PDB file of N, CA and C in Angstrom:
ATOM      1  N   MET A   1      -9.112 -85.701   3.599  1.00  0.00           N
ATOM      2  CA  MET A   1     -10.293 -86.292   3.027  1.00  0.00           C
ATOM      3  C   MET A   1      -9.935 -87.551   2.235  1.00  0.00           C
ATOM      4  N   LEU A   2      -8.850 -87.471   1.482  1.00  0.00           N
ATOM      5  CA  LEU A   2      -8.433 -88.633   0.701  1.00  0.00           C
ATOM      6  C   LEU A   2      -8.101 -89.815   1.608  1.00  0.00           C
ATOM      7  N   LEU A   3      -7.369 -89.564   2.671  1.00  0.00           N
ATOM      8  CA  LEU A   3      -6.985 -90.646   3.573  1.00  0.00           C
ATOM      9  C   LEU A   3      -8.200 -91.228   4.286  1.00  0.00           C
ATOM     10  N   THR A   4      -9.144 -90.393   4.654  1.00  0.00           N
ATOM     11  CA  THR A   4     -10.365 -90.876   5.301  1.00  0.00           C
ATOM     12  C   THR A   4     -11.146 -91.783   4.366  1.00  0.00           C
ATOM     13  N   ALA A   5     -11.248 -91.400   3.099  1.00  0.00           N
ATOM     14  CA  ALA A   5     -11.950 -92.237   2.128  1.00  0.00           C
ATOM     15  C   ALA A   5     -11.283 -93.600   2.023  1.00  0.00           C
ATOM     16  N   VAL A   6      -9.958 -93.614   1.940  1.00  0.00           N
ATOM     17  CA  VAL A   6      -9.219 -94.871   1.841  1.00  0.00           C
ATOM     18  C   VAL A   6      -9.407 -95.697   3.109  1.00  0.00           C
ATOM     19  N   ASP A   7      -9.374 -95.042   4.270  1.00  0.00           N
ATOM     20  CA  ASP A   7      -9.580 -95.751   5.537  1.00  0.00           C
ATOM     21  C   ASP A   7     -10.956 -96.419   5.584  1.00  0.00           C
ATOM     22  N   GLU A   8     -11.920 -95.840   4.896  1.00  0.00           N
ATOM     23  CA  GLU A   8     -13.282 -96.385   4.866  1.00  0.00           C
ATOM     24  C   GLU A   8     -13.476 -97.403   3.748  1.00  0.00           C
ATOM     25  N   GLY A   9     -12.399 -97.756   3.055  1.00  0.00           N
ATOM     26  CA  GLY A   9     -12.479 -98.767   2.014  1.00  0.00           C
ATOM     27  C   GLY A   9     -12.906 -98.237   0.660  1.00  0.00           C
ATOM     28  N   LEU A  10     -12.856 -96.925   0.487  1.00  0.00           N
ATOM     29  CA  LEU A  10     -13.215 -96.301  -0.786  1.00  0.00           C
ATOM     30  C   LEU A  10     -11.962 -95.923  -1.554  1.00  0.00           C
ATOM     31  N   GLY A  11     -12.113 -95.654  -2.818  1.00  0.00           N
ATOM     32  CA  GLY A  11     -11.035 -95.108  -3.617  1.00  0.00           C
ATOM     33  C   GLY A  11     -11.241 -93.600  -3.716  1.00  0.00           C
ATOM     34  N   ALA A  12     -10.176 -92.835  -3.798  1.00  0.00           N
ATOM     35  CA  ALA A  12     -10.287 -91.382  -3.899  1.00  0.00           C
ATOM     36  C   ALA A  12      -9.126 -90.846  -4.724  1.00  0.00           C
ATOM     37  N   CYS A  13      -9.374 -89.751  -5.419  1.00  0.00           N
ATOM     38  CA  CYS A  13      -8.352 -89.170  -6.284  1.00  0.00           C
ATOM     39  C   CYS A  13      -8.550 -87.660  -6.360  1.00  0.00           C
ATOM     40  N   PHE A  14      -7.471 -86.904  -6.129  1.00  0.00           N
ATOM     41  CA  PHE A  14      -7.501 -85.455  -6.337  1.00  0.00           C
ATOM     42  C   PHE A  14      -7.122 -85.192  -7.783  1.00  0.00           C
ATOM     43  N   PHE A  15      -7.826 -84.282  -8.431  1.00  0.00           N
ATOM     44  CA  PHE A  15      -7.458 -83.874  -9.783  1.00  0.00           C
ATOM     45  C   PHE A  15      -7.456 -82.364  -9.871  1.00  0.00           C
ATOM     46  N   GLY A  16      -6.495 -81.832 -10.605  1.00  0.00           N
ATOM     47  CA  GLY A  16      -6.406 -80.393 -10.813  1.00  0.00           C
ATOM     48  C   GLY A  16      -7.346 -79.942 -11.929  1.00  0.00           C
ATOM     49  N   ILE A  17      -7.766 -78.689 -11.852  1.00  0.00           N
ATOM     50  CA  ILE A  17      -8.621 -78.113 -12.887  1.00  0.00           C
ATOM     51  C   ILE A  17      -7.796 -77.075 -13.642  1.00  0.00           C
ATOM     52  N   MET A  18      -7.530 -77.361 -14.895  1.00  0.00           N
ATOM     53  CA  MET A  18      -6.760 -76.437 -15.721  1.00  0.00           C
ATOM     54  C   MET A  18      -7.609 -75.197 -15.996  1.00  0.00           C
ATOM     55  N   PRO A  19      -6.994 -74.021 -16.098  1.00  0.00           N
ATOM     56  CA  PRO A  19      -7.753 -72.787 -16.318  1.00  0.00           C
ATOM     57  C   PRO A  19      -8.726 -72.857 -17.499  1.00  0.00           C
ATOM     58  N   GLU A  20      -8.335 -73.527 -18.570  1.00  0.00           N
ATOM     59  CA  GLU A  20      -9.210 -73.604 -19.737  1.00  0.00           C
ATOM     60  C   GLU A  20     -10.439 -74.491 -19.493  1.00  0.00           C
ATOM     61  N   HIS A  21     -10.438 -75.246 -18.410  1.00  0.00           N
ATOM     62  CA  HIS A  21     -11.576 -76.106 -18.076  1.00  0.00           C
ATOM     63  C   HIS A  21     -12.399 -75.562 -16.916  1.00  0.00           C
ATOM     64  N   LEU A  22     -12.027 -74.400 -16.388  1.00  0.00           N
ATOM     65  CA  LEU A  22     -12.700 -73.855 -15.217  1.00  0.00           C
ATOM     66  C   LEU A  22     -14.164 -73.501 -15.500  1.00  0.00           C
ATOM     67  N   GLN A  23     -14.446 -72.841 -16.605  1.00  0.00           N
ATOM     68  CA  GLN A  23     -15.833 -72.452 -16.883  1.00  0.00           C
ATOM     69  C   GLN A  23     -16.747 -73.662 -17.072  1.00  0.00           C
ATOM     70  N   PRO A  24     -16.346 -74.677 -17.838  1.00  0.00           N
ATOM     71  CA  PRO A  24     -17.206 -75.863 -17.916  1.00  0.00           C
ATOM     72  C   PRO A  24     -17.406 -76.540 -16.555  1.00  0.00           C
ATOM     73  N   PHE A  25     -16.367 -76.533 -15.723  1.00  0.00           N
ATOM     74  CA  PHE A  25     -16.480 -77.115 -14.384  1.00  0.00           C
ATOM     75  C   PHE A  25     -17.485 -76.326 -13.559  1.00  0.00           C
ATOM     76  N   ARG A  26     -17.380 -74.984 -13.597  1.00  0.00           N
ATOM     77  CA  ARG A  26     -18.334 -74.122 -12.882  1.00  0.00           C
ATOM     78  C   ARG A  26     -19.764 -74.426 -13.312  1.00  0.00           C
ATOM     79  N   ALA A  27     -19.970 -74.511 -14.619  1.00  0.00           N
ATOM     80  CA  ALA A  27     -21.315 -74.739 -15.150  1.00  0.00           C
ATOM     81  C   ALA A  27     -21.857 -76.102 -14.716  1.00  0.00           C
ATOM     82  N   GLU A  28     -21.022 -77.116 -14.783  1.00  0.00           N
ATOM     83  CA  GLU A  28     -21.475 -78.475 -14.451  1.00  0.00           C
ATOM     84  C   GLU A  28     -21.832 -78.632 -12.981  1.00  0.00           C
ATOM     85  N   PHE A  29     -21.055 -77.996 -12.108  1.00  0.00           N
ATOM     86  CA  PHE A  29     -21.247 -78.196 -10.678  1.00  0.00           C
ATOM     87  C   PHE A  29     -21.819 -76.981  -9.951  1.00  0.00           C
ATOM     88  N   GLY A  30     -22.193 -75.942 -10.678  1.00  0.00           N
ATOM     89  CA  GLY A  30     -22.828 -74.776 -10.065  1.00  0.00           C
ATOM     90  C   GLY A  30     -21.923 -74.001  -9.132  1.00  0.00           C
ATOM     91  N   VAL A  31     -20.649 -73.901  -9.469  1.00  0.00           N
ATOM     92  CA  VAL A  31     -19.686 -73.180  -8.629  1.00  0.00           C
ATOM     93  C   VAL A  31     -19.883 -71.680  -8.839  1.00  0.00           C
ATOM     94  N   PRO A  32     -20.167 -70.924  -7.764  1.00  0.00           N
ATOM     95  CA  PRO A  32     -20.358 -69.475  -7.893  1.00  0.00           C
ATOM     96  C   PRO A  32     -19.097 -68.779  -8.420  1.00  0.00           C
ATOM     97  N   GLY A  33     -19.280 -67.671  -9.101  1.00  0.00           N
ATOM     98  CA  GLY A  33     -18.191 -66.919  -9.708  1.00  0.00           C
ATOM     99  C   GLY A  33     -17.148 -66.405  -8.743  1.00  0.00           C
ATOM    100  N   GLU A  34     -17.517 -66.218  -7.469  1.00  0.00           N
ATOM    101  CA  GLU A  34     -16.540 -65.683  -6.513  1.00  0.00           C
ATOM    102  C   GLU A  34     -15.555 -66.746  -6.011  1.00  0.00           C
ATOM    103  N   TYR A  35     -15.720 -67.989  -6.448  1.00  0.00           N
ATOM    104  CA  TYR A  35     -14.803 -69.069  -6.082  1.00  0.00           C
ATOM    105  C   TYR A  35     -14.018 -69.519  -7.302  1.00  0.00           C
ATOM    106  N   ASP A  36     -12.734 -69.774  -7.108  1.00  0.00           N
ATOM    107  CA  ASP A  36     -11.862 -70.274  -8.165  1.00  0.00           C
ATOM    108  C   ASP A  36     -11.288 -71.618  -7.744  1.00  0.00           C
ATOM    109  N   PRO A  37     -12.026 -72.706  -7.988  1.00  0.00           N
ATOM    110  CA  PRO A  37     -11.513 -74.009  -7.575  1.00  0.00           C
ATOM    111  C   PRO A  37     -10.238 -74.363  -8.342  1.00  0.00           C
ATOM    112  N   ILE A  38      -9.312 -74.984  -7.640  1.00  0.00           N
ATOM    113  CA  ILE A  38      -8.065 -75.421  -8.275  1.00  0.00           C
ATOM    114  C   ILE A  38      -8.072 -76.920  -8.513  1.00  0.00           C
ATOM    115  N   GLY A  39      -9.032 -77.610  -7.923  1.00  0.00           N
ATOM    116  CA  GLY A  39      -9.096 -79.057  -8.085  1.00  0.00           C
ATOM    117  C   GLY A  39     -10.358 -79.621  -7.495  1.00  0.00           C
ATOM    118  N   GLY A  40     -10.514 -80.898  -7.670  1.00  0.00           N
ATOM    119  CA  GLY A  40     -11.658 -81.608  -7.130  1.00  0.00           C
ATOM    120  C   GLY A  40     -11.211 -82.969  -6.627  1.00  0.00           C
ATOM    121  N   ILE A  41     -12.104 -83.639  -5.936  1.00  0.00           N
ATOM    122  CA  ILE A  41     -11.813 -84.973  -5.418  1.00  0.00           C
ATOM    123  C   ILE A  41     -12.938 -85.901  -5.851  1.00  0.00           C
ATOM    124  N   THR A  42     -12.564 -87.022  -6.434  1.00  0.00           N
ATOM    125  CA  THR A  42     -13.528 -88.058  -6.739  1.00  0.00           C
ATOM    126  C   THR A  42     -13.440 -89.107  -5.629  1.00  0.00           C
ATOM    127  N   VAL A  43     -14.595 -89.621  -5.226  1.00  0.00           N
ATOM    128  CA  VAL A  43     -14.657 -90.653  -4.193  1.00  0.00           C
ATOM    129  C   VAL A  43     -15.611 -91.725  -4.668  1.00  0.00           C
ATOM    130  N   GLY A  44     -15.227 -92.979  -4.519  1.00  0.00           N
ATOM    131  CA  GLY A  44     -16.112 -94.056  -4.932  1.00  0.00           C
ATOM    132  C   GLY A  44     -15.589 -95.402  -4.495  1.00  0.00           C
ATOM    133  N   TYR A  45     -16.323 -96.419  -4.849  1.00  0.00           N
ATOM    134  CA  TYR A  45     -15.914 -97.782  -4.517  1.00  0.00           C
ATOM    135  C   TYR A  45     -14.802 -98.224  -5.445  1.00  0.00           C
ATOM    136  N   ARG A  46     -13.837 -98.920  -4.890  1.00  0.00           N
ATOM    137  CA  ARG A  46     -12.723 -99.432  -5.681  1.00  0.00           C
ATOM    138  C   ARG A  46     -13.211-100.534  -6.614  1.00  0.00           C
ATOM    139  N   ALA A  47     -12.583-100.636  -7.747  1.00  0.00           N
ATOM    140  CA  ALA A  47     -12.893-101.721  -8.677  1.00  0.00           C
ATOM    141  C   ALA A  47     -12.548-103.056  -8.016  1.00  0.00           C
ATOM    142  N   GLU A  48     -13.319-104.076  -8.319  1.00  0.00           N
ATOM    143  CA  GLU A  48     -13.103-105.373  -7.688  1.00  0.00           C
ATOM    144  C   GLU A  48     -11.757-105.993  -8.041  1.00  0.00           C
ATOM    145  N   ASP A  49     -11.198-105.633  -9.202  1.00  0.00           N
ATOM    146  CA  ASP A  49      -9.923-106.224  -9.607  1.00  0.00           C
ATOM    147  C   ASP A  49      -8.704-105.457  -9.094  1.00  0.00           C
ATOM    148  N   VAL A  50      -8.925-104.433  -8.254  1.00  0.00           N
ATOM    149  CA  VAL A  50      -7.821-103.668  -7.670  1.00  0.00           C
ATOM    150  C   VAL A  50      -7.494-104.279  -6.312  1.00  0.00           C
ATOM    151  N   PRO A  51      -6.230-104.629  -6.066  1.00  0.00           N
ATOM    152  CA  PRO A  51      -5.878-105.235  -4.784  1.00  0.00           C
ATOM    153  C   PRO A  51      -6.124-104.284  -3.616  1.00  0.00           C
ATOM    154  N   GLU A  52      -6.397-104.860  -2.466  1.00  0.00           N
ATOM    155  CA  GLU A  52      -6.598-104.066  -1.256  1.00  0.00           C
ATOM    156  C   GLU A  52      -5.315-103.306  -0.915  1.00  0.00           C
ATOM    157  N   GLN A  53      -5.486-102.150  -0.281  1.00  0.00           N
ATOM    158  CA  GLN A  53      -4.335-101.366   0.148  1.00  0.00           C
ATOM    159  C   GLN A  53      -3.670-102.073   1.321  1.00  0.00           C
ATOM    160  N   GLY A  54      -2.369-102.165   1.281  1.00  0.00           N
ATOM    161  CA  GLY A  54      -1.633-102.825   2.355  1.00  0.00           C
ATOM    162  C   GLY A  54      -1.597-101.989   3.619  1.00  0.00           C
ATOM    163  N   THR A  55      -1.322-102.624   4.736  1.00  0.00           N
ATOM    164  CA  THR A  55      -1.239-101.915   6.012  1.00  0.00           C
ATOM    165  C   THR A  55      -0.009-101.021   6.073  1.00  0.00           C
ATOM    166  N   ARG A  56       0.949-101.272   5.206  1.00  0.00           N
ATOM    167  CA  ARG A  56       2.194-100.490   5.211  1.00  0.00           C
ATOM    168  C   ARG A  56       1.926 -99.002   4.966  1.00  0.00           C
ATOM    169  N   VAL A  57       0.918 -98.670   4.167  1.00  0.00           N
ATOM    170  CA  VAL A  57       0.589 -97.262   3.904  1.00  0.00           C
ATOM    171  C   VAL A  57       0.186 -96.579   5.195  1.00  0.00           C
ATOM    172  N   ALA A  58      -0.700 -97.194   5.964  1.00  0.00           N
ATOM    173  CA  ALA A  58      -1.143 -96.613   7.229  1.00  0.00           C
ATOM    174  C   ALA A  58       0.019 -96.482   8.217  1.00  0.00           C
ATOM    175  N   GLU A  59       0.931 -97.425   8.201  1.00  0.00           N
ATOM    176  CA  GLU A  59       2.081 -97.376   9.109  1.00  0.00           C
ATOM    177  C   GLU A  59       2.993 -96.201   8.793  1.00  0.00           C
ATOM    178  N   ARG A  60       3.090 -95.809   7.515  1.00  0.00           N
ATOM    179  CA  ARG A  60       3.959 -94.702   7.096  1.00  0.00           C
ATOM    180  C   ARG A  60       3.287 -93.347   7.257  1.00  0.00           C
ATOM    181  N   ARG A  61       2.001 -93.319   7.516  1.00  0.00           N
ATOM    182  CA  ARG A  61       1.256 -92.060   7.593  1.00  0.00           C
ATOM    183  C   ARG A  61       1.727 -91.219   8.775  1.00  0.00           C
ATOM    184  N   ARG A  62       1.930 -89.938   8.518  1.00  0.00           N
ATOM    185  CA  ARG A  62       2.339 -89.036   9.588  1.00  0.00           C
ATOM    186  C   ARG A  62       1.151 -88.720  10.492  1.00  0.00           C
ATOM    187  N   ALA A  63       1.427 -88.399  11.729  1.00  0.00           N
ATOM    188  CA  ALA A  63       0.387 -88.054  12.693  1.00  0.00           C
ATOM    189  C   ALA A  63      -0.235 -86.705  12.316  1.00  0.00           C
ATOM    190  N   ALA A  64      -1.494 -86.528  12.679  1.00  0.00           N
ATOM    191  CA  ALA A  64      -2.215 -85.296  12.350  1.00  0.00           C
ATOM    192  C   ALA A  64      -1.471 -84.054  12.836  1.00  0.00           C
ATOM    193  N   GLU A  65      -0.906 -84.111  14.046  1.00  0.00           N
ATOM    194  CA  GLU A  65      -0.219 -82.926  14.577  1.00  0.00           C
ATOM    195  C   GLU A  65       1.040 -82.576  13.789  1.00  0.00           C
ATOM    196  N   ASP A  66       1.531 -83.500  12.969  1.00  0.00           N
ATOM    197  CA  ASP A  66       2.697 -83.226  12.134  1.00  0.00           C
ATOM    198  C   ASP A  66       2.326 -82.556  10.810  1.00  0.00           C
ATOM    199  N   VAL A  67       1.066 -82.606  10.421  1.00  0.00           N
ATOM    200  CA  VAL A  67       0.679 -82.072   9.115  1.00  0.00           C
ATOM    201  C   VAL A  67      -0.398 -80.990   9.174  1.00  0.00           C
ATOM    202  N   ILE A  68      -1.036 -80.804  10.320  1.00  0.00           N
ATOM    203  CA  ILE A  68      -2.070 -79.771  10.448  1.00  0.00           C
ATOM    204  C   ILE A  68      -1.445 -78.555  11.100  1.00  0.00           C
ATOM    205  N   HIS A  69      -1.595 -77.430  10.450  1.00  0.00           N
ATOM    206  CA  HIS A  69      -1.022 -76.179  10.952  1.00  0.00           C
ATOM    207  C   HIS A  69      -2.160 -75.204  11.213  1.00  0.00           C
ATOM    208  N   ARG A  70      -2.303 -74.780  12.431  1.00  0.00           N
ATOM    209  CA  ARG A  70      -3.389 -73.880  12.809  1.00  0.00           C
ATOM    210  C   ARG A  70      -2.841 -72.469  12.992  1.00  0.00           C
ATOM    211  N   GLY A  71      -3.037 -71.638  11.976  1.00  0.00           N
ATOM    212  CA  GLY A  71      -2.628 -70.249  12.069  1.00  0.00           C
ATOM    213  C   GLY A  71      -1.187 -69.969  11.689  1.00  0.00           C
ATOM    214  N   GLN A  72      -0.303 -70.937  11.813  1.00  0.00           N
ATOM    215  CA  GLN A  72       1.094 -70.750  11.431  1.00  0.00           C
ATOM    216  C   GLN A  72       1.774 -72.089  11.287  1.00  0.00           C
ATOM    217  N   TRP A  73       2.895 -72.116  10.581  1.00  0.00           N
ATOM    218  CA  TRP A  73       3.655 -73.354  10.413  1.00  0.00           C
ATOM    219  C   TRP A  73       4.323 -73.690  11.728  1.00  0.00           C
ATOM    220  N   GLY A  74       4.688 -74.939  11.860  1.00  0.00           N
ATOM    221  CA  GLY A  74       5.453 -75.391  13.019  1.00  0.00           C
ATOM    222  C   GLY A  74       4.617 -76.209  13.968  1.00  0.00           C
ATOM    223  N   ARG A  75       5.289 -77.013  14.744  1.00  0.00           N
ATOM    224  CA  ARG A  75       4.591 -77.838  15.733  1.00  0.00           C
ATOM    225  C   ARG A  75       4.283 -77.007  16.964  1.00  0.00           C
ATOM    226  N   HIS A  76       3.168 -77.317  17.555  1.00  0.00           N
ATOM    227  CA  HIS A  76       2.748 -76.589  18.741  1.00  0.00           C
ATOM    228  C   HIS A  76       2.585 -77.565  19.898  1.00  0.00           C
ATOM    229  N   ALA A  77       3.026 -77.139  21.044  1.00  0.00           N
ATOM    230  CA  ALA A  77       2.918 -77.996  22.240  1.00  0.00           C
ATOM    231  C   ALA A  77       1.522 -77.936  22.793  1.00  0.00           C
TER     232      ALA A  77
END
């Protein structure tokens, strides 16, 4: 999700939710009690004074098949 946001020209950031902040987070965003979120993602437009992301980041990105694991670790043919 973070990479997709960046690819679309947006800024994105994952943040962790500390246990002592979980209840206020639940209340603010209506998270049901049966879920225990460990983090959230903010997505938005980049500030105008932030330089554009270079193409080098995309060049270093691993292919989806190298990072997506369906049912078990390891590469699948």
